[in-house]
Amino acid sequence: MDKWLWAARFFKTRALAGRACELGRVTSNGLRAVAKPEKAHLGTTDSSRRDPKERRPCTRPFPTPDLWFRCKPAREVRAGDRLRVENESGNYEIEVLEVSAIRGPAAVAQTLYRESEASRESRVKLAEERKAMREFAPLPDRRPSKRDRRRIIQFRSGG
């Protein structure tokens, strides 16, 4: 997962892509994203002392396809997977078209996935709002002095 996100240019480094997966900023729709489906949904109990022939069926329901699951960085990506990716440029809802482990040019990276129309529209709307907010925030007349920088650092640290 982290290698594909890096190759598709959602993140600048694989480390950033892996961290985003761990923080739950990358989710997948479908049964393939369950961490260990063979243990949770094979119809067995957690008791390992019983004979395999005597195991009771599991009472936990199978996950429905409309649920979104957090992805681990080591999860394999397959063509047809639907992903939600959150990064600094916005939230993407994409469908994987091709799998690649090599980071190539941006034009090639854009052929690896297809973004939904709703996702594209929401990102454009968010970008326009950010641009409009910049017009209302005045730029400073000069660079911050050493004293100004110390005050900024003090303010940000909460002290």
N, C-alpha and C. Protein backbone atom coordinates (compact mmCIF):
# COMPACT_ATOMS: atom_id res chain seq x y z
N MET A 1 0.83 -1.19 0.00
CA MET A 1 0.00 0.00 0.00
C MET A 1 0.87 1.25 0.00
N ASP A 2 1.86 1.29 0.90
CA ASP A 2 2.68 2.50 0.98
C ASP A 2 3.49 2.72 -0.29
N LYS A 3 3.95 1.63 -0.89
CA LYS A 3 4.73 1.77 -2.13
C LYS A 3 3.85 2.27 -3.27
N TRP A 4 2.62 1.77 -3.35
CA TRP A 4 1.72 2.21 -4.42
C TRP A 4 1.34 3.68 -4.22
N LEU A 5 1.04 4.09 -2.98
CA LEU A 5 0.70 5.49 -2.71
C LEU A 5 1.85 6.42 -3.07
N TRP A 6 3.08 5.96 -2.83
CA TRP A 6 4.26 6.73 -3.18
C TRP A 6 4.42 6.79 -4.70
N ALA A 7 4.22 5.64 -5.37
CA ALA A 7 4.35 5.60 -6.84
C ALA A 7 3.27 6.43 -7.53
N ALA A 8 2.07 6.49 -6.93
CA ALA A 8 0.98 7.27 -7.51
C ALA A 8 1.07 8.75 -7.11
N ARG A 9 2.10 9.11 -6.38
CA ARG A 9 2.41 10.48 -5.99
C ARG A 9 1.37 11.12 -5.08
N PHE A 10 0.79 10.34 -4.17
CA PHE A 10 -0.06 10.93 -3.14
C PHE A 10 0.79 11.44 -1.99
N PHE A 11 1.98 10.85 -1.79
CA PHE A 11 2.90 11.26 -0.75
C PHE A 11 4.30 11.35 -1.33
N LYS A 12 5.13 12.24 -0.77
CA LYS A 12 6.47 12.46 -1.30
C LYS A 12 7.43 11.32 -0.98
N THR A 13 7.23 10.65 0.15
CA THR A 13 8.11 9.54 0.53
C THR A 13 7.28 8.35 0.96
N ARG A 14 7.90 7.17 0.93
CA ARG A 14 7.21 5.97 1.40
C ARG A 14 6.97 6.04 2.90
N ALA A 15 7.88 6.69 3.62
CA ALA A 15 7.71 6.82 5.06
C ALA A 15 6.45 7.63 5.39
N LEU A 16 6.20 8.70 4.65
CA LEU A 16 4.98 9.49 4.85
C LEU A 16 3.74 8.67 4.50
N ALA A 17 3.83 7.88 3.45
CA ALA A 17 2.70 7.04 3.05
C ALA A 17 2.41 5.98 4.11
N GLY A 18 3.46 5.36 4.64
CA GLY A 18 3.28 4.36 5.70
C GLY A 18 2.71 4.97 6.96
N ARG A 19 3.16 6.14 7.31
CA ARG A 19 2.65 6.83 8.50
C ARG A 19 1.17 7.19 8.32
N ALA A 20 0.80 7.62 7.13
CA ALA A 20 -0.61 7.94 6.87
C ALA A 20 -1.48 6.69 7.01
N CYS A 21 -0.98 5.54 6.57
CA CYS A 21 -1.72 4.29 6.72
C CYS A 21 -1.90 3.95 8.20
N GLU A 22 -0.83 4.10 8.97
CA GLU A 22 -0.90 3.78 10.39
C GLU A 22 -1.85 4.71 11.14
N LEU A 23 -1.94 5.95 10.72
CA LEU A 23 -2.82 6.92 11.37
C LEU A 23 -4.27 6.81 10.91
N GLY A 24 -4.55 5.94 9.95
CA GLY A 24 -5.92 5.75 9.49
C GLY A 24 -6.35 6.75 8.43
N ARG A 25 -5.41 7.40 7.77
CA ARG A 25 -5.75 8.37 6.73
C ARG A 25 -5.93 7.71 5.38
N VAL A 26 -5.66 6.42 5.30
CA VAL A 26 -5.88 5.65 4.08
C VAL A 26 -6.82 4.51 4.44
N THR A 27 -7.98 4.47 3.80
CA THR A 27 -8.94 3.41 4.07
C THR A 27 -9.32 2.74 2.76
N SER A 28 -9.78 1.52 2.88
CA SER A 28 -10.12 0.74 1.70
C SER A 28 -11.52 0.18 1.85
N ASN A 29 -12.22 0.09 0.75
CA ASN A 29 -13.55 -0.48 0.73
C ASN A 29 -13.46 -1.90 0.19
N GLY A 30 -13.97 -2.84 0.94
CA GLY A 30 -13.99 -4.21 0.47
C GLY A 30 -13.45 -5.18 1.50
N LEU A 31 -13.63 -6.43 1.24
CA LEU A 31 -13.22 -7.46 2.19
C LEU A 31 -11.72 -7.68 2.20
N ARG A 32 -11.03 -7.27 1.15
CA ARG A 32 -9.59 -7.51 1.08
C ARG A 32 -8.80 -6.71 2.10
N ALA A 33 -9.41 -5.65 2.64
CA ALA A 33 -8.68 -4.78 3.55
C ALA A 33 -8.70 -5.25 4.99
N VAL A 34 -9.47 -6.28 5.33
CA VAL A 34 -9.50 -6.79 6.68
C VAL A 34 -8.13 -7.35 7.01
N ALA A 35 -7.63 -7.01 8.19
CA ALA A 35 -6.25 -7.37 8.55
C ALA A 35 -6.02 -8.88 8.48
N LYS A 36 -6.88 -9.67 9.13
CA LYS A 36 -6.71 -11.12 9.11
C LYS A 36 -8.07 -11.78 8.92
N PRO A 37 -8.58 -11.81 7.72
CA PRO A 37 -9.93 -12.36 7.53
C PRO A 37 -10.00 -13.85 7.80
N GLU A 38 -8.89 -14.57 7.61
CA GLU A 38 -8.95 -16.02 7.81
C GLU A 38 -9.19 -16.37 9.26
N LYS A 39 -8.73 -15.57 10.20
CA LYS A 39 -8.95 -15.86 11.61
C LYS A 39 -10.33 -15.40 12.06
N ALA A 40 -10.76 -14.24 11.58
CA ALA A 40 -12.00 -13.66 12.07
C ALA A 40 -13.25 -14.24 11.41
N HIS A 41 -13.13 -14.77 10.20
CA HIS A 41 -14.36 -15.13 9.50
C HIS A 41 -14.32 -16.50 8.84
N LEU A 42 -13.58 -17.42 9.41
CA LEU A 42 -13.58 -18.77 8.83
C LEU A 42 -14.63 -19.66 9.46
N GLY A 43 -15.37 -19.12 10.41
CA GLY A 43 -16.41 -19.92 11.03
C GLY A 43 -15.87 -20.79 12.15
N THR A 44 -14.85 -20.33 12.84
CA THR A 44 -14.29 -21.10 13.94
C THR A 44 -14.29 -20.25 15.20
N THR A 45 -14.19 -20.91 16.33
CA THR A 45 -14.05 -20.19 17.59
C THR A 45 -12.58 -19.95 17.84
N ASP A 46 -12.29 -19.19 18.89
CA ASP A 46 -10.91 -18.87 19.21
C ASP A 46 -10.23 -19.99 19.99
N SER A 47 -10.94 -21.02 20.36
CA SER A 47 -10.37 -22.11 21.14
C SER A 47 -9.49 -22.98 20.25
N SER A 48 -8.23 -23.10 20.61
CA SER A 48 -7.31 -23.91 19.82
C SER A 48 -7.15 -25.31 20.42
N ARG A 49 -7.77 -25.57 21.59
CA ARG A 49 -7.63 -26.88 22.21
C ARG A 49 -8.57 -27.92 21.63
N ARG A 50 -9.60 -27.47 20.95
CA ARG A 50 -10.56 -28.41 20.38
C ARG A 50 -10.02 -29.03 19.11
N ASP A 51 -10.56 -30.19 18.81
CA ASP A 51 -10.25 -30.85 17.54
C ASP A 51 -10.87 -30.01 16.42
N PRO A 52 -10.17 -29.83 15.30
CA PRO A 52 -10.73 -28.99 14.22
C PRO A 52 -12.10 -29.44 13.74
N LYS A 53 -12.41 -30.72 13.87
CA LYS A 53 -13.71 -31.21 13.42
C LYS A 53 -14.84 -30.81 14.37
N GLU A 54 -14.49 -30.49 15.62
CA GLU A 54 -15.52 -30.19 16.63
C GLU A 54 -15.73 -28.69 16.83
N ARG A 55 -15.12 -27.87 16.03
CA ARG A 55 -15.26 -26.43 16.23
C ARG A 55 -16.66 -25.95 15.89
N ARG A 56 -17.14 -25.02 16.71
CA ARG A 56 -18.46 -24.44 16.48
C ARG A 56 -18.36 -23.34 15.45
N PRO A 57 -19.44 -23.07 14.72
CA PRO A 57 -19.40 -21.96 13.77
C PRO A 57 -19.31 -20.62 14.50
N CYS A 58 -18.65 -19.69 13.88
CA CYS A 58 -18.48 -18.35 14.44
C CYS A 58 -19.79 -17.59 14.33
N THR A 59 -20.13 -16.82 15.35
CA THR A 59 -21.39 -16.07 15.34
C THR A 59 -21.19 -14.64 14.84
N ARG A 60 -19.95 -14.23 14.60
CA ARG A 60 -19.70 -12.88 14.11
C ARG A 60 -20.10 -12.77 12.65
N PRO A 61 -20.78 -11.69 12.27
CA PRO A 61 -21.20 -11.54 10.87
C PRO A 61 -20.04 -11.14 9.98
N PHE A 62 -20.17 -11.48 8.72
CA PHE A 62 -19.18 -11.04 7.73
C PHE A 62 -19.33 -9.54 7.53
N PRO A 63 -18.23 -8.83 7.29
CA PRO A 63 -18.37 -7.39 7.04
C PRO A 63 -19.05 -7.14 5.69
N THR A 64 -19.87 -6.13 5.65
CA THR A 64 -20.55 -5.80 4.40
C THR A 64 -19.61 -5.02 3.49
N PRO A 65 -19.78 -5.10 2.18
CA PRO A 65 -18.87 -4.42 1.27
C PRO A 65 -18.88 -2.90 1.36
N ASP A 66 -19.91 -2.29 1.99
CA ASP A 66 -19.94 -0.84 2.05
C ASP A 66 -19.18 -0.27 3.25
N LEU A 67 -18.51 -1.11 4.03
CA LEU A 67 -17.71 -0.63 5.14
C LEU A 67 -16.31 -0.25 4.65
N TRP A 68 -15.71 0.74 5.29
CA TRP A 68 -14.35 1.16 4.96
C TRP A 68 -13.43 0.69 6.06
N PHE A 69 -12.28 0.13 5.71
CA PHE A 69 -11.34 -0.41 6.66
C PHE A 69 -10.01 0.33 6.58
N ARG A 70 -9.38 0.50 7.73
CA ARG A 70 -8.04 1.09 7.75
C ARG A 70 -7.08 0.13 7.08
N CYS A 71 -6.14 0.67 6.34
CA CYS A 71 -5.16 -0.14 5.62
C CYS A 71 -3.83 -0.14 6.34
N LYS A 72 -3.19 -1.27 6.33
CA LYS A 72 -1.82 -1.36 6.83
C LYS A 72 -0.88 -1.03 5.69
N PRO A 73 0.32 -0.50 6.00
CA PRO A 73 1.26 -0.14 4.93
C PRO A 73 1.68 -1.33 4.08
N ALA A 74 1.71 -2.53 4.65
CA ALA A 74 2.17 -3.71 3.91
C ALA A 74 1.07 -4.38 3.10
N ARG A 75 -0.15 -3.88 3.16
CA ARG A 75 -1.25 -4.50 2.43
C ARG A 75 -1.04 -4.39 0.93
N GLU A 76 -1.37 -5.44 0.22
CA GLU A 76 -1.23 -5.43 -1.24
C GLU A 76 -2.39 -4.66 -1.87
N VAL A 77 -2.06 -3.91 -2.89
CA VAL A 77 -3.07 -3.17 -3.64
C VAL A 77 -3.36 -3.94 -4.91
N ARG A 78 -4.63 -4.06 -5.26
CA ARG A 78 -5.02 -4.77 -6.48
C ARG A 78 -5.86 -3.84 -7.34
N ALA A 79 -5.85 -4.09 -8.62
CA ALA A 79 -6.68 -3.30 -9.53
C ALA A 79 -8.14 -3.51 -9.16
N GLY A 80 -8.89 -2.44 -9.10
CA GLY A 80 -10.30 -2.51 -8.72
C GLY A 80 -10.55 -2.09 -7.29
N ASP A 81 -9.51 -1.98 -6.45
CA ASP A 81 -9.69 -1.52 -5.08
C ASP A 81 -10.16 -0.07 -5.08
N ARG A 82 -11.05 0.26 -4.14
CA ARG A 82 -11.47 1.64 -3.95
C ARG A 82 -10.83 2.14 -2.66
N LEU A 83 -10.17 3.28 -2.74
CA LEU A 83 -9.43 3.82 -1.61
C LEU A 83 -9.90 5.23 -1.29
N ARG A 84 -9.78 5.59 -0.01
CA ARG A 84 -9.93 6.97 0.44
C ARG A 84 -8.58 7.39 0.99
N VAL A 85 -8.03 8.46 0.46
CA VAL A 85 -6.71 8.93 0.85
C VAL A 85 -6.83 10.37 1.31
N GLU A 86 -6.35 10.64 2.53
CA GLU A 86 -6.33 12.00 3.06
C GLU A 86 -4.89 12.47 3.12
N ASN A 87 -4.58 13.56 2.44
CA ASN A 87 -3.27 14.17 2.56
C ASN A 87 -3.42 15.68 2.61
N GLU A 88 -2.30 16.41 2.58
CA GLU A 88 -2.37 17.86 2.76
C GLU A 88 -3.11 18.57 1.63
N SER A 89 -3.22 17.96 0.47
CA SER A 89 -3.90 18.62 -0.64
C SER A 89 -5.40 18.31 -0.68
N GLY A 90 -5.89 17.45 0.18
CA GLY A 90 -7.32 17.17 0.22
C GLY A 90 -7.62 15.70 0.42
N ASN A 91 -8.89 15.37 0.31
CA ASN A 91 -9.36 14.00 0.45
C ASN A 91 -9.70 13.45 -0.93
N TYR A 92 -9.15 12.28 -1.23
CA TYR A 92 -9.36 11.65 -2.52
C TYR A 92 -10.18 10.37 -2.33
N GLU A 93 -11.13 10.13 -3.20
CA GLU A 93 -11.82 8.84 -3.31
C GLU A 93 -11.48 8.33 -4.69
N ILE A 94 -10.69 7.24 -4.73
CA ILE A 94 -10.15 6.77 -6.00
C ILE A 94 -10.42 5.29 -6.19
N GLU A 95 -10.30 4.87 -7.43
CA GLU A 95 -10.34 3.46 -7.79
C GLU A 95 -9.00 3.13 -8.44
N VAL A 96 -8.38 2.06 -7.98
CA VAL A 96 -7.07 1.66 -8.49
C VAL A 96 -7.27 1.01 -9.85
N LEU A 97 -6.56 1.51 -10.87
CA LEU A 97 -6.64 0.96 -12.22
C LEU A 97 -5.45 0.05 -12.51
N GLU A 98 -4.27 0.46 -12.09
CA GLU A 98 -3.06 -0.33 -12.32
C GLU A 98 -2.22 -0.35 -11.05
N VAL A 99 -1.39 -1.37 -10.93
CA VAL A 99 -0.49 -1.49 -9.80
C VAL A 99 0.92 -1.24 -10.28
N SER A 100 1.64 -0.38 -9.56
CA SER A 100 3.02 -0.07 -9.90
C SER A 100 3.81 0.14 -8.63
N ALA A 101 5.03 -0.37 -8.60
CA ALA A 101 5.91 -0.18 -7.46
C ALA A 101 7.03 0.78 -7.80
N ILE A 102 7.00 1.33 -9.01
CA ILE A 102 8.05 2.24 -9.47
C ILE A 102 7.47 3.64 -9.57
N ARG A 103 8.17 4.60 -8.99
CA ARG A 103 7.72 5.99 -9.05
C ARG A 103 8.21 6.60 -10.36
N GLY A 104 7.28 6.97 -11.21
CA GLY A 104 7.62 7.53 -12.50
C GLY A 104 7.16 8.97 -12.59
N PRO A 105 7.07 9.48 -13.79
CA PRO A 105 6.60 10.86 -13.98
C PRO A 105 5.15 11.03 -13.53
N ALA A 106 4.77 12.27 -13.27
CA ALA A 106 3.42 12.56 -12.80
C ALA A 106 2.36 12.13 -13.80
N ALA A 107 2.66 12.26 -15.09
CA ALA A 107 1.69 11.86 -16.11
C ALA A 107 1.42 10.36 -16.04
N VAL A 108 2.44 9.56 -15.77
CA VAL A 108 2.26 8.11 -15.64
C VAL A 108 1.55 7.78 -14.33
N ALA A 109 1.88 8.52 -13.26
CA ALA A 109 1.26 8.27 -11.96
C ALA A 109 -0.25 8.50 -12.00
N GLN A 110 -0.70 9.45 -12.80
CA GLN A 110 -2.13 9.74 -12.87
C GLN A 110 -2.91 8.66 -13.62
N THR A 111 -2.23 7.80 -14.36
CA THR A 111 -2.91 6.71 -15.04
C THR A 111 -3.11 5.50 -14.14
N LEU A 112 -2.55 5.53 -12.93
CA LEU A 112 -2.67 4.40 -12.01
C LEU A 112 -4.01 4.36 -11.30
N TYR A 113 -4.73 5.46 -11.30
CA TYR A 113 -6.00 5.54 -10.56
C TYR A 113 -6.99 6.43 -11.29
N ARG A 114 -8.26 6.32 -10.86
CA ARG A 114 -9.32 7.18 -11.38
C ARG A 114 -10.03 7.79 -10.16
N GLU A 115 -10.12 9.11 -10.15
CA GLU A 115 -10.76 9.80 -9.03
C GLU A 115 -12.23 10.00 -9.33
N SER A 116 -13.06 9.87 -8.29
CA SER A 116 -14.50 10.06 -8.49
C SER A 116 -14.81 11.53 -8.69
N GLU A 117 -15.91 11.81 -9.36
CA GLU A 117 -16.32 13.19 -9.65
C GLU A 117 -16.62 13.95 -8.36
N ALA A 118 -17.28 13.29 -7.40
CA ALA A 118 -17.62 13.96 -6.14
C ALA A 118 -16.35 14.37 -5.39
N SER A 119 -15.36 13.51 -5.42
CA SER A 119 -14.09 13.80 -4.76
C SER A 119 -13.40 14.99 -5.43
N ARG A 120 -13.38 14.99 -6.74
CA ARG A 120 -12.73 16.07 -7.48
C ARG A 120 -13.42 17.41 -7.20
N GLU A 121 -14.76 17.40 -7.21
CA GLU A 121 -15.51 18.64 -6.97
C GLU A 121 -15.28 19.16 -5.56
N SER A 122 -15.25 18.28 -4.57
CA SER A 122 -15.04 18.73 -3.19
C SER A 122 -13.63 19.29 -3.00
N ARG A 123 -12.63 18.69 -3.66
CA ARG A 123 -11.26 19.21 -3.56
C ARG A 123 -11.13 20.58 -4.22
N VAL A 124 -11.79 20.77 -5.38
CA VAL A 124 -11.75 22.07 -6.07
C VAL A 124 -12.43 23.13 -5.21
N LYS A 125 -13.56 22.77 -4.62
CA LYS A 125 -14.29 23.71 -3.75
C LYS A 125 -13.44 24.10 -2.55
N LEU A 126 -12.77 23.14 -1.94
CA LEU A 126 -11.91 23.41 -0.79
C LEU A 126 -10.73 24.30 -1.18
N ALA A 127 -10.16 24.06 -2.36
CA ALA A 127 -9.04 24.89 -2.84
C ALA A 127 -9.50 26.33 -3.08
N GLU A 128 -10.69 26.50 -3.61
CA GLU A 128 -11.22 27.86 -3.83
C GLU A 128 -11.45 28.57 -2.50
N GLU A 129 -11.94 27.84 -1.50
CA GLU A 129 -12.15 28.44 -0.18
C GLU A 129 -10.82 28.86 0.44
N ARG A 130 -9.81 28.03 0.30
CA ARG A 130 -8.48 28.39 0.82
C ARG A 130 -7.95 29.64 0.13
N LYS A 131 -8.13 29.70 -1.18
CA LYS A 131 -7.65 30.85 -1.94
C LYS A 131 -8.39 32.12 -1.52
N ALA A 132 -9.68 32.03 -1.28
CA ALA A 132 -10.47 33.18 -0.84
C ALA A 132 -10.04 33.63 0.55
N MET A 133 -9.70 32.70 1.42
CA MET A 133 -9.28 33.07 2.77
C MET A 133 -7.94 33.80 2.75
N ARG A 134 -7.08 33.49 1.79
CA ARG A 134 -5.78 34.17 1.70
C ARG A 134 -5.96 35.65 1.37
N GLU A 135 -7.01 35.99 0.65
CA GLU A 135 -7.25 37.39 0.29
C GLU A 135 -7.60 38.22 1.51
N PHE A 136 -8.23 37.62 2.52
CA PHE A 136 -8.63 38.35 3.71
C PHE A 136 -7.52 38.43 4.75
N ALA A 137 -6.52 37.59 4.66
CA ALA A 137 -5.41 37.62 5.61
C ALA A 137 -4.31 38.51 5.03
N PRO A 138 -4.05 39.64 5.66
CA PRO A 138 -3.03 40.53 5.11
C PRO A 138 -1.63 39.96 5.29
N LEU A 139 -0.78 40.20 4.33
CA LEU A 139 0.62 39.78 4.42
C LEU A 139 1.39 40.79 5.27
N PRO A 140 2.37 40.32 6.03
CA PRO A 140 3.16 41.26 6.82
C PRO A 140 4.00 42.16 5.92
N ASP A 141 4.34 43.34 6.44
CA ASP A 141 5.13 44.31 5.67
C ASP A 141 6.58 43.88 5.52
N ARG A 142 7.09 43.13 6.49
CA ARG A 142 8.49 42.73 6.47
C ARG A 142 8.63 41.33 7.06
N ARG A 143 9.84 40.80 6.96
CA ARG A 143 10.12 39.50 7.58
C ARG A 143 10.13 39.64 9.09
N PRO A 144 9.81 38.57 9.83
CA PRO A 144 9.84 38.68 11.29
C PRO A 144 11.28 38.87 11.79
N SER A 145 11.41 39.73 12.79
CA SER A 145 12.72 39.92 13.40
C SER A 145 13.00 38.76 14.36
N LYS A 146 14.17 38.77 14.96
CA LYS A 146 14.53 37.71 15.91
C LYS A 146 13.56 37.74 17.10
N ARG A 147 13.21 38.92 17.54
CA ARG A 147 12.28 39.06 18.65
C ARG A 147 10.89 38.54 18.25
N ASP A 148 10.47 38.86 17.03
CA ASP A 148 9.17 38.38 16.53
C ASP A 148 9.15 36.86 16.44
N ARG A 149 10.24 36.27 15.94
CA ARG A 149 10.31 34.81 15.83
C ARG A 149 10.21 34.15 17.20
N ARG A 150 10.88 34.73 18.19
CA ARG A 150 10.81 34.18 19.55
C ARG A 150 9.39 34.25 20.09
N ARG A 151 8.70 35.34 19.82
CA ARG A 151 7.30 35.46 20.26
C ARG A 151 6.40 34.44 19.54
N ILE A 152 6.65 34.22 18.26
CA ILE A 152 5.87 33.23 17.50
C ILE A 152 6.08 31.85 18.08
N ILE A 153 7.34 31.50 18.33
CA ILE A 153 7.66 30.19 18.91
C ILE A 153 7.03 30.04 20.27
N GLN A 154 7.09 31.09 21.09
CA GLN A 154 6.49 31.05 22.42
C GLN A 154 4.97 30.88 22.32
N PHE A 155 4.36 31.58 21.38
CA PHE A 155 2.92 31.47 21.20
C PHE A 155 2.51 30.08 20.75
N ARG A 156 3.26 29.50 19.81
CA ARG A 156 2.93 28.16 19.29
C ARG A 156 3.14 27.08 20.32
N SER A 157 4.12 27.24 21.19
CA SER A 157 4.39 26.20 22.20
C SER A 157 3.40 26.31 23.37
N GLY A 158 2.64 27.38 23.43
CA GLY A 158 1.61 27.50 24.47
C GLY A 158 2.16 28.02 25.78
N GLY A 159 3.33 28.58 25.77
CA GLY A 159 3.93 29.03 27.04
C GLY A 159 4.04 30.46 27.21
